[in-house]
Amino acid sequence: MKRKPYTTFDIAKMLHVYSGTVARWIDDGKITAYVTPGGHRRVNGKDLKKFLMEYNMPIPPEIVDNEEEKIPEPENSA
């Protein structure tokens, strides 16, 4: 099951910063995000993880890269 995208509030809470700081990072292009029809910013887990790695920030354990599908191991046919 895929996790819902993160809100600026979710990210702020995890990183111990203000939601306005997260919004500024998004507006400055540091975090890839999209905007809902209602004007709210949303960030996918893989984009948040990429941002944290790029800026050498610790990755909170609750960030799981749900965007990558696990490739099943091939079965032995022998």
C-alpha atoms as a PDB file:
ATOM      1  CA  MET A   1       0.000   0.000   0.000  1.00  0.00           C
ATOM      2  CA  LYS A   2       1.413   3.368  -0.991  1.00  0.00           C
ATOM      3  CA  ARG A   3       1.628   6.127   1.556  1.00  0.00           C
ATOM      4  CA  LYS A   4      -0.236   9.343   0.889  1.00  0.00           C
ATOM      5  CA  PRO A   5       1.969  12.290  -0.081  1.00  0.00           C
ATOM      6  CA  TYR A   6       3.364  14.390   2.755  1.00  0.00           C
ATOM      7  CA  THR A   7       1.954  17.824   3.597  1.00  0.00           C
ATOM      8  CA  THR A   8       4.142  20.752   4.586  1.00  0.00           C
ATOM      9  CA  PHE A   9       2.907  20.223   8.153  1.00  0.00           C
ATOM     10  CA  ASP A  10       3.911  16.520   8.089  1.00  0.00           C
ATOM     11  CA  ILE A  11       7.404  17.389   6.884  1.00  0.00           C
ATOM     12  CA  ALA A  12       7.803  20.257   9.345  1.00  0.00           C
ATOM     13  CA  LYS A  13       6.851  18.013  12.244  1.00  0.00           C
ATOM     14  CA  MET A  14       9.343  15.301  11.200  1.00  0.00           C
ATOM     15  CA  LEU A  15      12.219  17.736  10.622  1.00  0.00           C
ATOM     16  CA  HIS A  16      11.482  20.032  13.597  1.00  0.00           C
ATOM     17  CA  VAL A  17      11.092  23.165  11.472  1.00  0.00           C
ATOM     18  CA  TYR A  18       8.180  25.508  10.742  1.00  0.00           C
ATOM     19  CA  SER A  19       5.741  24.626   7.950  1.00  0.00           C
ATOM     20  CA  GLY A  20       6.586  28.003   6.394  1.00  0.00           C
ATOM     21  CA  THR A  21      10.190  26.847   6.088  1.00  0.00           C
ATOM     22  CA  VAL A  22       9.070  23.734   4.215  1.00  0.00           C
ATOM     23  CA  ALA A  23       6.855  25.867   1.944  1.00  0.00           C
ATOM     24  CA  ARG A  24       9.831  28.128   1.201  1.00  0.00           C
ATOM     25  CA  TRP A  25      12.021  25.103   0.361  1.00  0.00           C
ATOM     26  CA  ILE A  26       9.322  23.964  -2.066  1.00  0.00           C
ATOM     27  CA  ASP A  27       8.864  27.423  -3.579  1.00  0.00           C
ATOM     28  CA  ASP A  28      12.648  27.762  -3.975  1.00  0.00           C
ATOM     29  CA  GLY A  29      12.721  24.455  -5.882  1.00  0.00           C
ATOM     30  CA  LYS A  30      14.745  22.604  -3.243  1.00  0.00           C
ATOM     31  CA  ILE A  31      11.984  20.012  -2.732  1.00  0.00           C
ATOM     32  CA  THR A  32       9.999  18.696  -5.694  1.00  0.00           C
ATOM     33  CA  ALA A  33       6.291  19.011  -4.956  1.00  0.00           C
ATOM     34  CA  TYR A  34       2.936  19.526  -6.597  1.00  0.00           C
ATOM     35  CA  VAL A  35       0.036  21.752  -5.698  1.00  0.00           C
ATOM     36  CA  THR A  36      -3.504  20.459  -5.216  1.00  0.00           C
ATOM     37  CA  PRO A  37      -6.451  22.258  -6.847  1.00  0.00           C
ATOM     38  CA  GLY A  38      -7.049  23.823  -3.422  1.00  0.00           C
ATOM     39  CA  GLY A  39      -3.540  25.303  -3.399  1.00  0.00           C
ATOM     40  CA  HIS A  40      -1.939  22.905  -0.904  1.00  0.00           C
ATOM     41  CA  ARG A  41       1.584  21.620  -1.477  1.00  0.00           C
ATOM     42  CA  ARG A  42       2.210  17.849  -1.451  1.00  0.00           C
ATOM     43  CA  VAL A  43       5.525  15.974  -1.517  1.00  0.00           C
ATOM     44  CA  ASN A  44       6.089  12.328  -2.440  1.00  0.00           C
ATOM     45  CA  GLY A  45       8.309  10.265  -0.134  1.00  0.00           C
ATOM     46  CA  LYS A  46      11.024   9.687  -2.718  1.00  0.00           C
ATOM     47  CA  ASP A  47      11.299  13.435  -3.385  1.00  0.00           C
ATOM     48  CA  LEU A  48      11.555  14.211   0.324  1.00  0.00           C
ATOM     49  CA  LYS A  49      14.218  11.540   0.777  1.00  0.00           C
ATOM     50  CA  LYS A  50      16.152  12.933  -2.206  1.00  0.00           C
ATOM     51  CA  PHE A  51      16.076  16.433  -0.658  1.00  0.00           C
ATOM     52  CA  LEU A  52      17.282  15.147   2.713  1.00  0.00           C
ATOM     53  CA  MET A  53      20.142  13.211   1.137  1.00  0.00           C
ATOM     54  CA  GLU A  54      21.155  16.143  -1.084  1.00  0.00           C
ATOM     55  CA  TYR A  55      21.406  18.485   1.916  1.00  0.00           C
ATOM     56  CA  ASN A  56      23.002  15.884   4.230  1.00  0.00           C
ATOM     57  CA  MET A  57      20.066  15.953   6.623  1.00  0.00           C
ATOM     58  CA  PRO A  58      19.163  12.937   8.760  1.00  0.00           C
ATOM     59  CA  ILE A  59      16.400  10.802   7.275  1.00  0.00           C
ATOM     60  CA  PRO A  60      13.635  10.165   9.828  1.00  0.00           C
ATOM     61  CA  PRO A  61      12.697   6.489  10.162  1.00  0.00           C
ATOM     62  CA  GLU A  62       9.080   7.201   9.224  1.00  0.00           C
ATOM     63  CA  ILE A  63      10.109   8.130   5.693  1.00  0.00           C
ATOM     64  CA  VAL A  64       9.791   4.973   3.683  1.00  0.00           C
ATOM     65  CA  ASP A  65      10.438   5.039  -0.026  1.00  0.00           C
ATOM     66  CA  ASN A  66       7.075   3.631  -1.081  1.00  0.00           C
ATOM     67  CA  GLU A  67       7.553   4.775  -4.660  1.00  0.00           C
ATOM     68  CA  GLU A  68       9.892   1.911  -5.522  1.00  0.00           C
ATOM     69  CA  GLU A  69       8.266  -1.412  -6.239  1.00  0.00           C
ATOM     70  CA  LYS A  70      10.148  -4.428  -4.972  1.00  0.00           C
ATOM     71  CA  ILE A  71      11.164  -6.761  -7.764  1.00  0.00           C
ATOM     72  CA  PRO A  72      10.242 -10.345  -6.926  1.00  0.00           C
ATOM     73  CA  GLU A  73      13.035 -12.886  -6.832  1.00  0.00           C
ATOM     74  CA  PRO A  74      12.998 -15.301  -9.783  1.00  0.00           C
ATOM     75  CA  GLU A  75      11.830 -18.795  -8.960  1.00  0.00           C
ATOM     76  CA  ASN A  76      14.108 -21.740  -9.549  1.00  0.00           C
ATOM     77  CA  SER A  77      12.687 -23.787 -12.394  1.00  0.00           C
ATOM     78  CA  ALA A  78      15.228 -26.585 -11.911  1.00  0.00           C
END
